[in-house]
PDB file of all heavy atoms in Angstrom:
ATOM      1  N   ASN A   1       7.303  15.470   1.895  1.00  0.00           N
ATOM      2  CA  ASN A   1       6.575  16.452   2.701  1.00  0.00           C
ATOM      3  C   ASN A   1       7.117  16.450   4.123  1.00  0.00           C
ATOM      4  O   ASN A   1       7.731  15.466   4.559  1.00  0.00           O
ATOM      5  CB  ASN A   1       5.077  16.114   2.716  1.00  0.00           C
ATOM      6  CG  ASN A   1       4.208  17.284   3.123  1.00  0.00           C
ATOM      7  OD1 ASN A   1       4.707  18.394   3.356  1.00  0.00           O
ATOM      8  ND2 ASN A   1       2.910  17.055   3.207  1.00  0.00           N
ATOM      9  N   ILE A   2       6.904  17.533   4.829  1.00  0.00           N
ATOM     10  CA  ILE A   2       7.245  17.616   6.250  1.00  0.00           C
ATOM     11  C   ILE A   2       6.184  18.459   6.927  1.00  0.00           C
ATOM     12  O   ILE A   2       5.728  19.468   6.371  1.00  0.00           O
ATOM     13  CB  ILE A   2       8.652  18.224   6.468  1.00  0.00           C
ATOM     14  CG1 ILE A   2       8.958  18.299   7.971  1.00  0.00           C
ATOM     15  CG2 ILE A   2       8.797  19.584   5.794  1.00  0.00           C
ATOM     16  CD1 ILE A   2      10.392  18.658   8.283  1.00  0.00           C
ATOM     17  N   PHE A   3       5.745  18.038   8.103  1.00  0.00           N
ATOM     18  CA  PHE A   3       4.728  18.814   8.813  1.00  0.00           C
ATOM     19  C   PHE A   3       4.849  18.585  10.317  1.00  0.00           C
ATOM     20  O   PHE A   3       5.351  17.557  10.778  1.00  0.00           O
ATOM     21  CB  PHE A   3       3.318  18.464   8.329  1.00  0.00           C
ATOM     22  CG  PHE A   3       3.030  16.996   8.225  1.00  0.00           C
ATOM     23  CD1 PHE A   3       2.444  16.306   9.274  1.00  0.00           C
ATOM     24  CD2 PHE A   3       3.338  16.294   7.058  1.00  0.00           C
ATOM     25  CE1 PHE A   3       2.180  14.957   9.174  1.00  0.00           C
ATOM     26  CE2 PHE A   3       3.070  14.939   6.950  1.00  0.00           C
ATOM     27  CZ  PHE A   3       2.489  14.272   8.006  1.00  0.00           C
ATOM     28  N   GLU A   4       4.391  19.592  11.057  1.00  0.00           N
ATOM     29  CA  GLU A   4       4.444  19.538  12.515  1.00  0.00           C
ATOM     30  C   GLU A   4       3.308  18.679  13.049  1.00  0.00           C
ATOM     31  O   GLU A   4       2.203  18.690  12.522  1.00  0.00           O
ATOM     32  CB  GLU A   4       4.334  20.954  13.087  1.00  0.00           C
ATOM     33  CG  GLU A   4       5.445  21.883  12.653  1.00  0.00           C
ATOM     34  CD  GLU A   4       5.177  23.317  13.053  1.00  0.00           C
ATOM     35  OE1 GLU A   4       4.309  23.534  13.926  1.00  0.00           O
ATOM     36  OE2 GLU A   4       5.821  24.213  12.489  1.00  0.00           O
ATOM     37  N   VAL A   5       3.610  17.940  14.109  1.00  0.00           N
ATOM     38  CA  VAL A   5       2.600  17.111  14.773  1.00  0.00           C
ATOM     39  C   VAL A   5       2.677  17.353  16.269  1.00  0.00           C
ATOM     40  O   VAL A   5       3.575  18.033  16.769  1.00  0.00           O
ATOM     41  CB  VAL A   5       2.815  15.610  14.465  1.00  0.00           C
ATOM     42  CG1 VAL A   5       2.546  15.307  13.008  1.00  0.00           C
ATOM     43  CG2 VAL A   5       4.216  15.169  14.869  1.00  0.00           C
ATOM     44  N   LYS A   6       1.743  16.809  16.995  1.00  0.00           N
ATOM     45  CA  LYS A   6       1.744  16.941  18.454  1.00  0.00           C
ATOM     46  C   LYS A   6       2.985  16.278  19.040  1.00  0.00           C
ATOM     47  O   LYS A   6       3.542  15.344  18.468  1.00  0.00           O
ATOM     48  CB  LYS A   6       0.482  16.321  19.037  1.00  0.00           C
ATOM     49  CG  LYS A   6      -0.791  17.059  18.636  1.00  0.00           C
ATOM     50  CD  LYS A   6      -2.021  16.438  19.267  1.00  0.00           C
ATOM     51  CE  LYS A   6      -3.270  17.225  18.893  1.00  0.00           C
ATOM     52  NZ  LYS A   6      -4.502  16.640  19.498  1.00  0.00           N
ATOM     53  N   GLY A   7       3.411  16.746  20.197  1.00  0.00           N
ATOM     54  CA  GLY A   7       4.663  16.299  20.789  1.00  0.00           C
ATOM     55  C   GLY A   7       4.735  14.822  21.095  1.00  0.00           C
ATOM     56  O   GLY A   7       5.823  14.252  21.154  1.00  0.00           O
ATOM     57  N   ASP A   8       3.596  14.171  21.297  1.00  0.00           N
ATOM     58  CA  ASP A   8       3.594  12.740  21.605  1.00  0.00           C
ATOM     59  C   ASP A   8       3.193  11.884  20.410  1.00  0.00           C
ATOM     60  O   ASP A   8       2.990  10.675  20.531  1.00  0.00           O
ATOM     61  CB  ASP A   8       2.660  12.447  22.783  1.00  0.00           C
ATOM     62  CG  ASP A   8       1.216  12.841  22.513  1.00  0.00           C
ATOM     63  OD1 ASP A   8       0.964  13.516  21.489  1.00  0.00           O
ATOM     64  OD2 ASP A   8       0.337  12.473  23.307  1.00  0.00           O
ATOM     65  N   ALA A   9       3.075  12.489  19.232  1.00  0.00           N
ATOM     66  CA  ALA A   9       2.730  11.727  18.033  1.00  0.00           C
ATOM     67  C   ALA A   9       3.853  10.754  17.690  1.00  0.00           C
ATOM     68  O   ALA A   9       5.036  11.084  17.814  1.00  0.00           O
ATOM     69  CB  ALA A   9       2.474  12.666  16.855  1.00  0.00           C
ATOM     70  N   HIS A  10       3.490   9.554  17.253  1.00  0.00           N
ATOM     71  CA  HIS A  10       4.474   8.513  17.009  1.00  0.00           C
ATOM     72  C   HIS A  10       4.240   7.883  15.636  1.00  0.00           C
ATOM     73  O   HIS A  10       3.152   7.374  15.341  1.00  0.00           O
ATOM     74  CB  HIS A  10       4.370   7.439  18.091  1.00  0.00           C
ATOM     75  CG  HIS A  10       5.581   6.572  18.221  1.00  0.00           C
ATOM     76  ND1 HIS A  10       5.872   5.576  17.310  1.00  0.00           N
ATOM     77  CD2 HIS A  10       6.575   6.546  19.150  1.00  0.00           C
ATOM     78  CE1 HIS A  10       6.982   4.966  17.686  1.00  0.00           C
ATOM     79  NE2 HIS A  10       7.438   5.545  18.790  1.00  0.00           N
ATOM     80  N   ALA A  11       5.263   7.912  14.779  1.00  0.00           N
ATOM     81  CA  ALA A  11       5.113   7.439  13.404  1.00  0.00           C
ATOM     82  C   ALA A  11       4.736   5.969  13.340  1.00  0.00           C
ATOM     83  O   ALA A  11       3.996   5.547  12.443  1.00  0.00           O
ATOM     84  CB  ALA A  11       6.400   7.684  12.627  1.00  0.00           C
ATOM     85  N   ARG A  12       5.233   5.180  14.267  1.00  0.00           N
ATOM     86  CA  ARG A  12       4.947   3.752  14.242  1.00  0.00           C
ATOM     87  C   ARG A  12       3.665   3.401  14.990  1.00  0.00           C
ATOM     88  O   ARG A  12       2.762   2.769  14.432  1.00  0.00           O
ATOM     89  CB  ARG A  12       6.119   2.977  14.847  1.00  0.00           C
ATOM     90  CG  ARG A  12       5.893   1.468  14.894  1.00  0.00           C
ATOM     91  CD  ARG A  12       7.040   0.751  15.579  1.00  0.00           C
ATOM     92  NE  ARG A  12       6.780  -0.671  15.751  1.00  0.00           N
ATOM     93  CZ  ARG A  12       7.530  -1.490  16.485  1.00  0.00           C
ATOM     94  NH1 ARG A  12       8.603  -1.020  17.107  1.00  0.00           N
ATOM     95  NH2 ARG A  12       7.227  -2.760  16.595  1.00  0.00           N
ATOM     96  N   PHE A  13       3.558   3.816  16.235  1.00  0.00           N
ATOM     97  CA  PHE A  13       2.469   3.341  17.074  1.00  0.00           C
ATOM     98  C   PHE A  13       1.130   4.024  16.792  1.00  0.00           C
ATOM     99  O   PHE A  13       0.074   3.489  17.135  1.00  0.00           O
ATOM    100  CB  PHE A  13       2.835   3.500  18.551  1.00  0.00           C
ATOM    101  CG  PHE A  13       4.012   2.665  18.966  1.00  0.00           C
ATOM    102  CD1 PHE A  13       5.069   3.225  19.668  1.00  0.00           C
ATOM    103  CD2 PHE A  13       4.087   1.323  18.642  1.00  0.00           C
ATOM    104  CE1 PHE A  13       6.166   2.451  20.049  1.00  0.00           C
ATOM    105  CE2 PHE A  13       5.168   0.544  19.010  1.00  0.00           C
ATOM    106  CZ  PHE A  13       6.212   1.115  19.723  1.00  0.00           C
ATOM    107  N   ASP A  14       1.146   5.204  16.183  1.00  0.00           N
ATOM    108  CA  ASP A  14      -0.100   5.902  15.893  1.00  0.00           C
ATOM    109  C   ASP A  14      -0.672   5.551  14.519  1.00  0.00           C
ATOM    110  O   ASP A  14      -1.778   5.971  14.187  1.00  0.00           O
ATOM    111  CB  ASP A  14       0.097   7.422  15.991  1.00  0.00           C
ATOM    112  CG  ASP A  14       0.208   7.889  17.433  1.00  0.00           C
ATOM    113  OD1 ASP A  14      -0.392   7.247  18.314  1.00  0.00           O
ATOM    114  OD2 ASP A  14       0.893   8.894  17.690  1.00  0.00           O
ATOM    115  N   ALA A  15       0.066   4.819  13.707  1.00  0.00           N
ATOM    116  CA  ALA A  15      -0.457   4.407  12.400  1.00  0.00           C
ATOM    117  C   ALA A  15      -1.621   3.441  12.603  1.00  0.00           C
ATOM    118  O   ALA A  15      -1.527   2.493  13.379  1.00  0.00           O
ATOM    119  CB  ALA A  15       0.637   3.751  11.571  1.00  0.00           C
ATOM    120  N   ILE A  16      -2.730   3.691  11.899  1.00  0.00           N
ATOM    121  CA  ILE A  16      -3.917   2.849  12.073  1.00  0.00           C
ATOM    122  C   ILE A  16      -4.128   1.899  10.894  1.00  0.00           C
ATOM    123  O   ILE A  16      -4.916   0.953  10.988  1.00  0.00           O
ATOM    124  CB  ILE A  16      -5.185   3.710  12.285  1.00  0.00           C
ATOM    125  CG1 ILE A  16      -5.376   4.687  11.128  1.00  0.00           C
ATOM    126  CG2 ILE A  16      -5.112   4.442  13.607  1.00  0.00           C
ATOM    127  CD1 ILE A  16      -6.653   5.516  11.230  1.00  0.00           C
ATOM    128  N   GLU A  17      -3.426   2.142   9.794  1.00  0.00           N
ATOM    129  CA  GLU A  17      -3.552   1.243   8.647  1.00  0.00           C
ATOM    130  C   GLU A  17      -2.328   1.395   7.747  1.00  0.00           C
ATOM    131  O   GLU A  17      -1.782   2.486   7.597  1.00  0.00           O
ATOM    132  CB  GLU A  17      -4.817   1.557   7.847  1.00  0.00           C
ATOM    133  CG  GLU A  17      -5.097   0.589   6.703  1.00  0.00           C
ATOM    134  CD  GLU A  17      -6.400   0.901   5.986  1.00  0.00           C
ATOM    135  OE1 GLU A  17      -7.454   0.906   6.675  1.00  0.00           O
ATOM    136  OE2 GLU A  17      -6.359   1.141   4.771  1.00  0.00           O
ATOM    137  N   ARG A  18      -1.919   0.274   7.162  1.00  0.00           N
ATOM    138  CA  ARG A  18      -0.825   0.258   6.192  1.00  0.00           C
ATOM    139  C   ARG A  18      -1.284  -0.511   4.967  1.00  0.00           C
ATOM    140  O   ARG A  18      -2.021  -1.491   5.092  1.00  0.00           O
ATOM    141  CB  ARG A  18       0.420  -0.395   6.801  1.00  0.00           C
ATOM    142  CG  ARG A  18       0.991   0.356   8.004  1.00  0.00           C
ATOM    143  CD  ARG A  18       1.921  -0.531   8.817  1.00  0.00           C
ATOM    144  NE  ARG A  18       2.597   0.198   9.878  1.00  0.00           N
ATOM    145  CZ  ARG A  18       2.097   0.412  11.078  1.00  0.00           C
ATOM    146  NH1 ARG A  18       0.885  -0.060  11.380  1.00  0.00           N
ATOM    147  NH2 ARG A  18       2.777   1.083  11.999  1.00  0.00           N
ATOM    148  N   GLU A  19      -0.842  -0.047   3.814  1.00  0.00           N
ATOM    149  CA  GLU A  19      -1.237  -0.711   2.577  1.00  0.00           C
ATOM    150  C   GLU A  19      -0.007  -1.023   1.727  1.00  0.00           C
ATOM    151  O   GLU A  19       0.896  -0.197   1.603  1.00  0.00           O
ATOM    152  CB  GLU A  19      -2.196   0.174   1.782  1.00  0.00           C
ATOM    153  CG  GLU A  19      -2.721  -0.467   0.497  1.00  0.00           C
ATOM    154  CD  GLU A  19      -3.726   0.411  -0.218  1.00  0.00           C
ATOM    155  OE1 GLU A  19      -4.881   0.478   0.266  1.00  0.00           O
ATOM    156  OE2 GLU A  19      -3.357   1.035  -1.233  1.00  0.00           O
ATOM    157  N   TYR A  20       0.002  -2.229   1.160  1.00  0.00           N
ATOM    158  CA  TYR A  20       1.080  -2.659   0.274  1.00  0.00           C
ATOM    159  C   TYR A  20       0.504  -3.043  -1.083  1.00  0.00           C
ATOM    160  O   TYR A  20      -0.659  -3.461  -1.191  1.00  0.00           O
ATOM    161  CB  TYR A  20       1.794  -3.888   0.832  1.00  0.00           C
ATOM    162  CG  TYR A  20       2.759  -3.624   1.961  1.00  0.00           C
ATOM    163  CD1 TYR A  20       2.325  -3.606   3.282  1.00  0.00           C
ATOM    164  CD2 TYR A  20       4.120  -3.413   1.714  1.00  0.00           C
ATOM    165  CE1 TYR A  20       3.211  -3.385   4.325  1.00  0.00           C
ATOM    166  CE2 TYR A  20       5.012  -3.194   2.749  1.00  0.00           C
ATOM    167  CZ  TYR A  20       4.558  -3.176   4.046  1.00  0.00           C
ATOM    168  OH  TYR A  20       5.435  -2.958   5.074  1.00  0.00           O
ATOM    169  N   GLU A  21       1.336  -2.924  -2.112  1.00  0.00           N
ATOM    170  CA  GLU A  21       1.022  -3.471  -3.427  1.00  0.00           C
ATOM    171  C   GLU A  21       2.155  -4.404  -3.838  1.00  0.00           C
ATOM    172  O   GLU A  21       3.326  -4.127  -3.567  1.00  0.00           O
ATOM    173  CB  GLU A  21       0.881  -2.368  -4.474  1.00  0.00           C
ATOM    174  CG  GLU A  21      -0.394  -1.571  -4.367  1.00  0.00           C
ATOM    175  CD  GLU A  21      -0.511  -0.526  -5.459  1.00  0.00           C
ATOM    176  OE1 GLU A  21       0.447  -0.371  -6.255  1.00  0.00           O
ATOM    177  OE2 GLU A  21      -1.567   0.138  -5.507  1.00  0.00           O
ATOM    178  N   TYR A  22       1.764  -5.489  -4.509  1.00  0.00           N
ATOM    179  CA  TYR A  22       2.771  -6.374  -5.100  1.00  0.00           C
ATOM    180  C   TYR A  22       2.526  -6.412  -6.594  1.00  0.00           C
ATOM    181  O   TYR A  22       1.404  -6.669  -7.050  1.00  0.00           O
ATOM    182  CB  TYR A  22       2.720  -7.787  -4.515  1.00  0.00           C
ATOM    183  CG  TYR A  22       3.975  -8.556  -4.854  1.00  0.00           C
ATOM    184  CD1 TYR A  22       5.071  -8.527  -4.007  1.00  0.00           C
ATOM    185  CD2 TYR A  22       4.094  -9.253  -6.062  1.00  0.00           C
ATOM    186  CE1 TYR A  22       6.255  -9.182  -4.336  1.00  0.00           C
ATOM    187  CE2 TYR A  22       5.265  -9.902  -6.397  1.00  0.00           C
ATOM    188  CZ  TYR A  22       6.347  -9.857  -5.526  1.00  0.00           C
ATOM    189  OH  TYR A  22       7.522 -10.476  -5.869  1.00  0.00           O
ATOM    190  N   LEU A  23       3.585  -6.168  -7.363  1.00  0.00           N
ATOM    191  CA  LEU A  23       3.469  -6.033  -8.807  1.00  0.00           C
ATOM    192  C   LEU A  23       4.110  -7.223  -9.516  1.00  0.00           C
ATOM    193  O   LEU A  23       5.263  -7.578  -9.252  1.00  0.00           O
ATOM    194  CB  LEU A  23       4.148  -4.736  -9.252  1.00  0.00           C
ATOM    195  CG  LEU A  23       4.075  -4.376 -10.738  1.00  0.00           C
ATOM    196  CD1 LEU A  23       2.626  -4.246 -11.193  1.00  0.00           C
ATOM    197  CD2 LEU A  23       4.836  -3.077 -10.994  1.00  0.00           C
ATOM    198  N   ILE A  24       3.349  -7.832 -10.420  1.00  0.00           N
ATOM    199  CA  ILE A  24       3.819  -8.959 -11.222  1.00  0.00           C
ATOM    200  C   ILE A  24       3.711  -8.594 -12.701  1.00  0.00           C
ATOM    201  O   ILE A  24       2.684  -8.073 -13.148  1.00  0.00           O
ATOM    202  CB  ILE A  24       3.000 -10.229 -10.932  1.00  0.00           C
ATOM    203  CG1 ILE A  24       3.301 -10.732  -9.518  1.00  0.00           C
ATOM    204  CG2 ILE A  24       3.295 -11.328 -11.957  1.00  0.00           C
ATOM    205  CD1 ILE A  24       2.478 -11.935  -9.102  1.00  0.00           C
ATOM    206  N   SER A  25       4.767  -8.855 -13.433  1.00  0.00           N
ATOM    207  CA  SER A  25       4.772  -8.654 -14.883  1.00  0.00           C
ATOM    208  C   SER A  25       4.604 -10.008 -15.560  1.00  0.00           C
ATOM    209  O   SER A  25       5.319 -10.958 -15.269  1.00  0.00           O
ATOM    210  CB  SER A  25       6.094  -8.005 -15.325  1.00  0.00           C
ATOM    211  OG  SER A  25       6.165  -7.917 -16.735  1.00  0.00           O
ATOM    212  N   LEU A  26       3.632 -10.095 -16.451  1.00  0.00           N
ATOM    213  CA  LEU A  26       3.378 -11.343 -17.174  1.00  0.00           C
ATOM    214  C   LEU A  26       4.253 -11.372 -18.422  1.00  0.00           C
ATOM    215  O   LEU A  26       3.942 -10.760 -19.442  1.00  0.00           O
ATOM    216  CB  LEU A  26       1.900 -11.442 -17.548  1.00  0.00           C
ATOM    217  CG  LEU A  26       0.921 -11.471 -16.364  1.00  0.00           C
ATOM    218  CD1 LEU A  26      -0.504 -11.408 -16.856  1.00  0.00           C
ATOM    219  CD2 LEU A  26       1.149 -12.709 -15.506  1.00  0.00           C
ATOM    220  N   GLY A  27       5.359 -12.051 -18.324  1.00  0.00           N
ATOM    221  CA  GLY A  27       6.314 -12.106 -19.424  1.00  0.00           C
ATOM    222  C   GLY A  27       7.506 -11.211 -19.167  1.00  0.00           C
ATOM    223  O   GLY A  27       7.533 -10.411 -18.226  1.00  0.00           O
ATOM    224  N   LYS A  28       8.492 -11.322 -20.014  1.00  0.00           N
ATOM    225  CA  LYS A  28       9.735 -10.572 -19.851  1.00  0.00           C
ATOM    226  C   LYS A  28       9.547  -9.107 -20.239  1.00  0.00           C
ATOM    227  O   LYS A  28       9.079  -8.796 -21.329  1.00  0.00           O
ATOM    228  CB  LYS A  28      10.842 -11.202 -20.704  1.00  0.00           C
ATOM    229  CG  LYS A  28      12.222 -10.608 -20.476  1.00  0.00           C
ATOM    230  CD  LYS A  28      13.272 -11.365 -21.273  1.00  0.00           C
ATOM    231  CE  LYS A  28      14.662 -10.787 -21.007  1.00  0.00           C
ATOM    232  NZ  LYS A  28      15.698 -11.520 -21.764  1.00  0.00           N
ATOM    233  N   ASP A  29       9.927  -8.222 -19.336  1.00  0.00           N
ATOM    234  CA  ASP A  29       9.825  -6.788 -19.572  1.00  0.00           C
ATOM    235  C   ASP A  29      11.095  -6.121 -19.073  1.00  0.00           C
ATOM    236  O   ASP A  29      11.311  -6.004 -17.871  1.00  0.00           O
ATOM    237  CB  ASP A  29       8.606  -6.217 -18.843  1.00  0.00           C
ATOM    238  CG  ASP A  29       8.463  -4.717 -19.013  1.00  0.00           C
ATOM    239  OD1 ASP A  29       9.260  -4.124 -19.766  1.00  0.00           O
ATOM    240  OD2 ASP A  29       7.561  -4.134 -18.388  1.00  0.00           O
ATOM    241  N   PRO A  30      11.974  -5.682 -19.988  1.00  0.00           N
ATOM    242  CA  PRO A  30      13.256  -5.100 -19.554  1.00  0.00           C
ATOM    243  C   PRO A  30      13.108  -3.810 -18.761  1.00  0.00           C
ATOM    244  O   PRO A  30      14.031  -3.402 -18.062  1.00  0.00           O
ATOM    245  CB  PRO A  30      13.988  -4.844 -20.881  1.00  0.00           C
ATOM    246  CG  PRO A  30      12.921  -4.774 -21.911  1.00  0.00           C
ATOM    247  CD  PRO A  30      11.853  -5.710 -21.456  1.00  0.00           C
ATOM    248  N   PHE A  31      11.922  -3.167 -18.853  1.00  0.00           N
ATOM    249  CA  PHE A  31      11.742  -1.898 -18.167  1.00  0.00           C
ATOM    250  C   PHE A  31      11.173  -2.046 -16.750  1.00  0.00           C
ATOM    251  O   PHE A  31      11.038  -1.064 -16.032  1.00  0.00           O
ATOM    252  CB  PHE A  31      10.837  -0.980 -18.996  1.00  0.00           C
ATOM    253  CG  PHE A  31      11.382  -0.706 -20.367  1.00  0.00           C
ATOM    254  CD1 PHE A  31      10.830  -1.318 -21.475  1.00  0.00           C
ATOM    255  CD2 PHE A  31      12.471   0.130 -20.538  1.00  0.00           C
ATOM    256  CE1 PHE A  31      11.341  -1.088 -22.745  1.00  0.00           C
ATOM    257  CE2 PHE A  31      12.987   0.366 -21.799  1.00  0.00           C
ATOM    258  CZ  PHE A  31      12.429  -0.237 -22.909  1.00  0.00           C
ATOM    259  N   SER A  32      10.839  -3.265 -16.369  1.00  0.00           N
ATOM    260  CA  SER A  32      10.306  -3.456 -15.013  1.00  0.00           C
ATOM    261  C   SER A  32      11.035  -4.554 -14.252  1.00  0.00           C
ATOM    262  O   SER A  32      10.574  -4.985 -13.202  1.00  0.00           O
ATOM    263  CB  SER A  32       8.811  -3.794 -15.080  1.00  0.00           C
ATOM    264  OG  SER A  32       8.598  -5.067 -15.660  1.00  0.00           O
ATOM    265  N   GLN A  33      12.181  -4.996 -14.761  1.00  0.00           N
ATOM    266  CA  GLN A  33      12.849  -6.132 -14.143  1.00  0.00           C
ATOM    267  C   GLN A  33      13.286  -5.860 -12.704  1.00  0.00           C
ATOM    268  O   GLN A  33      13.408  -6.787 -11.906  1.00  0.00           O
ATOM    269  CB  GLN A  33      14.052  -6.555 -14.984  1.00  0.00           C
ATOM    270  CG  GLN A  33      15.127  -5.491 -15.163  1.00  0.00           C
ATOM    271  CD  GLN A  33      16.293  -5.983 -16.002  1.00  0.00           C
ATOM    272  OE1 GLN A  33      16.438  -7.185 -16.221  1.00  0.00           O
ATOM    273  NE2 GLN A  33      17.119  -5.071 -16.471  1.00  0.00           N
ATOM    274  N   ASP A  34      13.521  -4.600 -12.354  1.00  0.00           N
ATOM    275  CA  ASP A  34      13.910  -4.261 -10.981  1.00  0.00           C
ATOM    276  C   ASP A  34      12.718  -3.886 -10.111  1.00  0.00           C
ATOM    277  O   ASP A  34      12.880  -3.660  -8.914  1.00  0.00           O
ATOM    278  CB  ASP A  34      14.899  -3.091 -10.984  1.00  0.00           C
ATOM    279  CG  ASP A  34      16.240  -3.462 -11.585  1.00  0.00           C
ATOM    280  OD1 ASP A  34      16.613  -4.659 -11.497  1.00  0.00           O
ATOM    281  OD2 ASP A  34      16.911  -2.577 -12.144  1.00  0.00           O
ATOM    282  N   PHE A  35      11.533  -3.823 -10.715  1.00  0.00           N
ATOM    283  CA  PHE A  35      10.386  -3.289  -9.984  1.00  0.00           C
ATOM    284  C   PHE A  35       9.149  -4.172 -10.052  1.00  0.00           C
ATOM    285  O   PHE A  35       8.082  -3.782  -9.591  1.00  0.00           O
ATOM    286  CB  PHE A  35      10.050  -1.888 -10.510  1.00  0.00           C
ATOM    287  CG  PHE A  35      11.207  -0.944 -10.444  1.00  0.00           C
ATOM    288  CD1 PHE A  35      11.917  -0.604 -11.586  1.00  0.00           C
ATOM    289  CD2 PHE A  35      11.620  -0.415  -9.229  1.00  0.00           C
ATOM    290  CE1 PHE A  35      12.989   0.254 -11.526  1.00  0.00           C
ATOM    291  CE2 PHE A  35      12.700   0.447  -9.155  1.00  0.00           C
ATOM    292  CZ  PHE A  35      13.395   0.784 -10.299  1.00  0.00           C
ATOM    293  N   ALA A  36       9.263  -5.348 -10.636  1.00  0.00           N
ATOM    294  CA  ALA A  36       8.141  -6.282 -10.697  1.00  0.00           C
ATOM    295  C   ALA A  36       8.678  -7.703 -10.808  1.00  0.00           C
ATOM    296  O   ALA A  36       9.730  -7.935 -11.400  1.00  0.00           O
ATOM    297  CB  ALA A  36       7.239  -5.970 -11.896  1.00  0.00           C
TER     298      ALA A  36
END
């Protein structure tokens, strides 16, 4: 996506929350070896 923001808007300093996920595969899975 792309959208217009105010001239002083800042991608880093104006962010108020960040969320991460960590994925674990229980056992060998050839389809997730690069992503879990």
